[in-house]
Amino acid sequence: MENDWDKAIGSLSKIKVFSNLNYDSVGVSGEADDLKCIGIGTDALFLSHFSPH
């Protein structure tokens, strides 16, 4: 049985998140058609999964 992480791994592997100096927000590169960035902080990136039409 496939769990939610198994379904998302393909899309998540297309996104790279990296830290920045001086407590700036994280940097992001890449994109996936079924992920939308809903927030960026100093330690994390927040993504929402949706089905593209």
N, C-alpha and C. Protein backbone atom coordinates (compact mmCIF):
# COMPACT_ATOMS: atom_id res chain seq x y z
N MET A 1 0.85 -1.18 0.00
CA MET A 1 0.00 0.00 0.00
C MET A 1 0.89 1.24 0.00
N GLU A 2 0.58 2.19 -0.85
CA GLU A 2 1.36 3.41 -0.97
C GLU A 2 0.87 4.45 0.05
N ASN A 3 1.81 5.05 0.79
CA ASN A 3 1.41 6.11 1.73
C ASN A 3 1.58 7.48 1.07
N ASP A 4 1.17 8.52 1.79
CA ASP A 4 1.21 9.88 1.23
C ASP A 4 2.62 10.32 0.86
N TRP A 5 3.64 9.94 1.66
CA TRP A 5 5.02 10.33 1.36
C TRP A 5 5.49 9.67 0.07
N ASP A 6 5.10 8.43 -0.14
CA ASP A 6 5.48 7.73 -1.37
C ASP A 6 4.89 8.43 -2.59
N LYS A 7 3.68 8.94 -2.46
CA LYS A 7 3.03 9.65 -3.57
C LYS A 7 3.71 10.99 -3.86
N ALA A 8 4.24 11.64 -2.83
CA ALA A 8 4.81 12.98 -2.96
C ALA A 8 6.29 12.99 -3.31
N ILE A 9 7.00 11.89 -3.14
CA ILE A 9 8.45 11.89 -3.28
C ILE A 9 8.92 12.36 -4.66
N GLY A 10 8.21 12.02 -5.70
CA GLY A 10 8.59 12.45 -7.04
C GLY A 10 8.57 13.97 -7.18
N SER A 11 7.53 14.60 -6.67
CA SER A 11 7.42 16.06 -6.73
C SER A 11 8.40 16.72 -5.79
N LEU A 12 8.52 16.21 -4.58
CA LEU A 12 9.43 16.80 -3.60
C LEU A 12 10.89 16.73 -4.05
N SER A 13 11.23 15.69 -4.79
CA SER A 13 12.62 15.55 -5.24
C SER A 13 12.99 16.61 -6.29
N LYS A 14 12.02 17.31 -6.84
CA LYS A 14 12.28 18.36 -7.82
C LYS A 14 12.57 19.72 -7.16
N ILE A 15 12.36 19.81 -5.85
CA ILE A 15 12.52 21.06 -5.11
C ILE A 15 13.80 20.99 -4.27
N LYS A 16 14.60 22.03 -4.33
CA LYS A 16 15.80 22.15 -3.51
C LYS A 16 15.62 23.34 -2.57
N VAL A 17 15.89 23.12 -1.29
CA VAL A 17 15.78 24.16 -0.28
C VAL A 17 17.16 24.35 0.34
N PHE A 18 17.60 25.59 0.46
CA PHE A 18 18.93 25.82 1.02
C PHE A 18 18.89 27.01 1.98
N SER A 19 19.80 26.97 2.96
CA SER A 19 19.85 28.03 3.97
C SER A 19 20.60 29.24 3.45
N ASN A 20 20.35 30.36 4.09
CA ASN A 20 21.03 31.62 3.78
C ASN A 20 21.67 32.16 5.05
N LEU A 21 22.62 33.03 4.90
CA LEU A 21 23.29 33.64 6.04
C LEU A 21 22.41 34.71 6.69
N ASN A 22 22.78 35.09 7.89
CA ASN A 22 22.15 36.21 8.60
C ASN A 22 20.65 36.02 8.85
N TYR A 23 20.22 34.80 9.05
CA TYR A 23 18.82 34.50 9.38
C TYR A 23 17.83 34.95 8.31
N ASP A 24 18.28 35.03 7.06
CA ASP A 24 17.37 35.31 5.96
C ASP A 24 16.50 34.08 5.70
N SER A 25 15.42 34.26 4.99
CA SER A 25 14.55 33.13 4.63
C SER A 25 15.32 32.13 3.78
N VAL A 26 14.89 30.88 3.83
CA VAL A 26 15.54 29.85 3.03
C VAL A 26 15.38 30.18 1.55
N GLY A 27 16.28 29.67 0.73
CA GLY A 27 16.18 29.81 -0.71
C GLY A 27 15.55 28.56 -1.30
N VAL A 28 14.95 28.72 -2.46
CA VAL A 28 14.26 27.61 -3.11
C VAL A 28 14.62 27.61 -4.58
N SER A 29 14.88 26.42 -5.12
CA SER A 29 15.05 26.28 -6.56
C SER A 29 14.28 25.06 -7.02
N GLY A 30 13.88 25.07 -8.26
CA GLY A 30 13.10 23.97 -8.83
C GLY A 30 11.62 24.24 -8.71
N GLU A 31 10.84 23.38 -9.33
CA GLU A 31 9.39 23.49 -9.26
C GLU A 31 8.75 22.16 -9.60
N ALA A 32 7.53 22.01 -9.14
CA ALA A 32 6.74 20.82 -9.44
C ALA A 32 5.31 21.29 -9.72
N ASP A 33 4.69 20.72 -10.72
CA ASP A 33 3.35 21.17 -11.14
C ASP A 33 2.29 21.00 -10.06
N ASP A 34 2.48 20.06 -9.15
CA ASP A 34 1.45 19.78 -8.15
C ASP A 34 1.80 20.29 -6.75
N LEU A 35 2.82 21.16 -6.64
CA LEU A 35 3.18 21.76 -5.36
C LEU A 35 3.12 23.28 -5.48
N LYS A 36 2.56 23.92 -4.46
CA LYS A 36 2.49 25.37 -4.42
C LYS A 36 3.15 25.83 -3.12
N CYS A 37 4.05 26.79 -3.23
CA CYS A 37 4.70 27.35 -2.05
C CYS A 37 3.69 28.26 -1.35
N ILE A 38 3.41 27.98 -0.08
CA ILE A 38 2.47 28.80 0.68
C ILE A 38 3.17 29.60 1.78
N GLY A 39 4.46 29.37 1.96
CA GLY A 39 5.19 30.15 2.95
C GLY A 39 6.66 29.78 2.98
N ILE A 40 7.48 30.77 3.32
CA ILE A 40 8.92 30.56 3.45
C ILE A 40 9.36 31.22 4.74
N GLY A 41 10.13 30.49 5.53
CA GLY A 41 10.67 31.04 6.77
C GLY A 41 12.17 30.91 6.81
N THR A 42 12.75 31.19 7.95
CA THR A 42 14.21 31.12 8.10
C THR A 42 14.70 29.68 8.21
N ASP A 43 13.81 28.76 8.53
CA ASP A 43 14.20 27.36 8.72
C ASP A 43 13.42 26.38 7.86
N ALA A 44 12.42 26.83 7.14
CA ALA A 44 11.55 25.88 6.43
C ALA A 44 10.85 26.51 5.24
N LEU A 45 10.39 25.63 4.39
CA LEU A 45 9.56 25.97 3.25
C LEU A 45 8.25 25.23 3.44
N PHE A 46 7.13 25.91 3.23
CA PHE A 46 5.82 25.31 3.42
C PHE A 46 5.15 25.13 2.07
N LEU A 47 4.80 23.89 1.76
CA LEU A 47 4.23 23.56 0.47
C LEU A 47 2.83 22.99 0.63
N SER A 48 2.01 23.23 -0.36
CA SER A 48 0.67 22.65 -0.43
C SER A 48 0.61 21.79 -1.69
N HIS A 49 0.03 20.61 -1.58
CA HIS A 49 -0.12 19.72 -2.72
C HIS A 49 -1.50 19.87 -3.31
N PHE A 50 -1.60 19.91 -4.62
CA PHE A 50 -2.89 20.00 -5.30
C PHE A 50 -2.79 19.23 -6.61
N SER A 51 -3.94 18.94 -7.18
CA SER A 51 -3.98 18.26 -8.47
C SER A 51 -4.08 19.29 -9.58
N PRO A 52 -3.06 19.39 -10.45
CA PRO A 52 -3.14 20.36 -11.55
C PRO A 52 -4.21 19.96 -12.56
N HIS A 53 -4.84 20.96 -13.14
CA HIS A 53 -5.88 20.68 -14.16
C HIS A 53 -5.40 21.11 -15.50
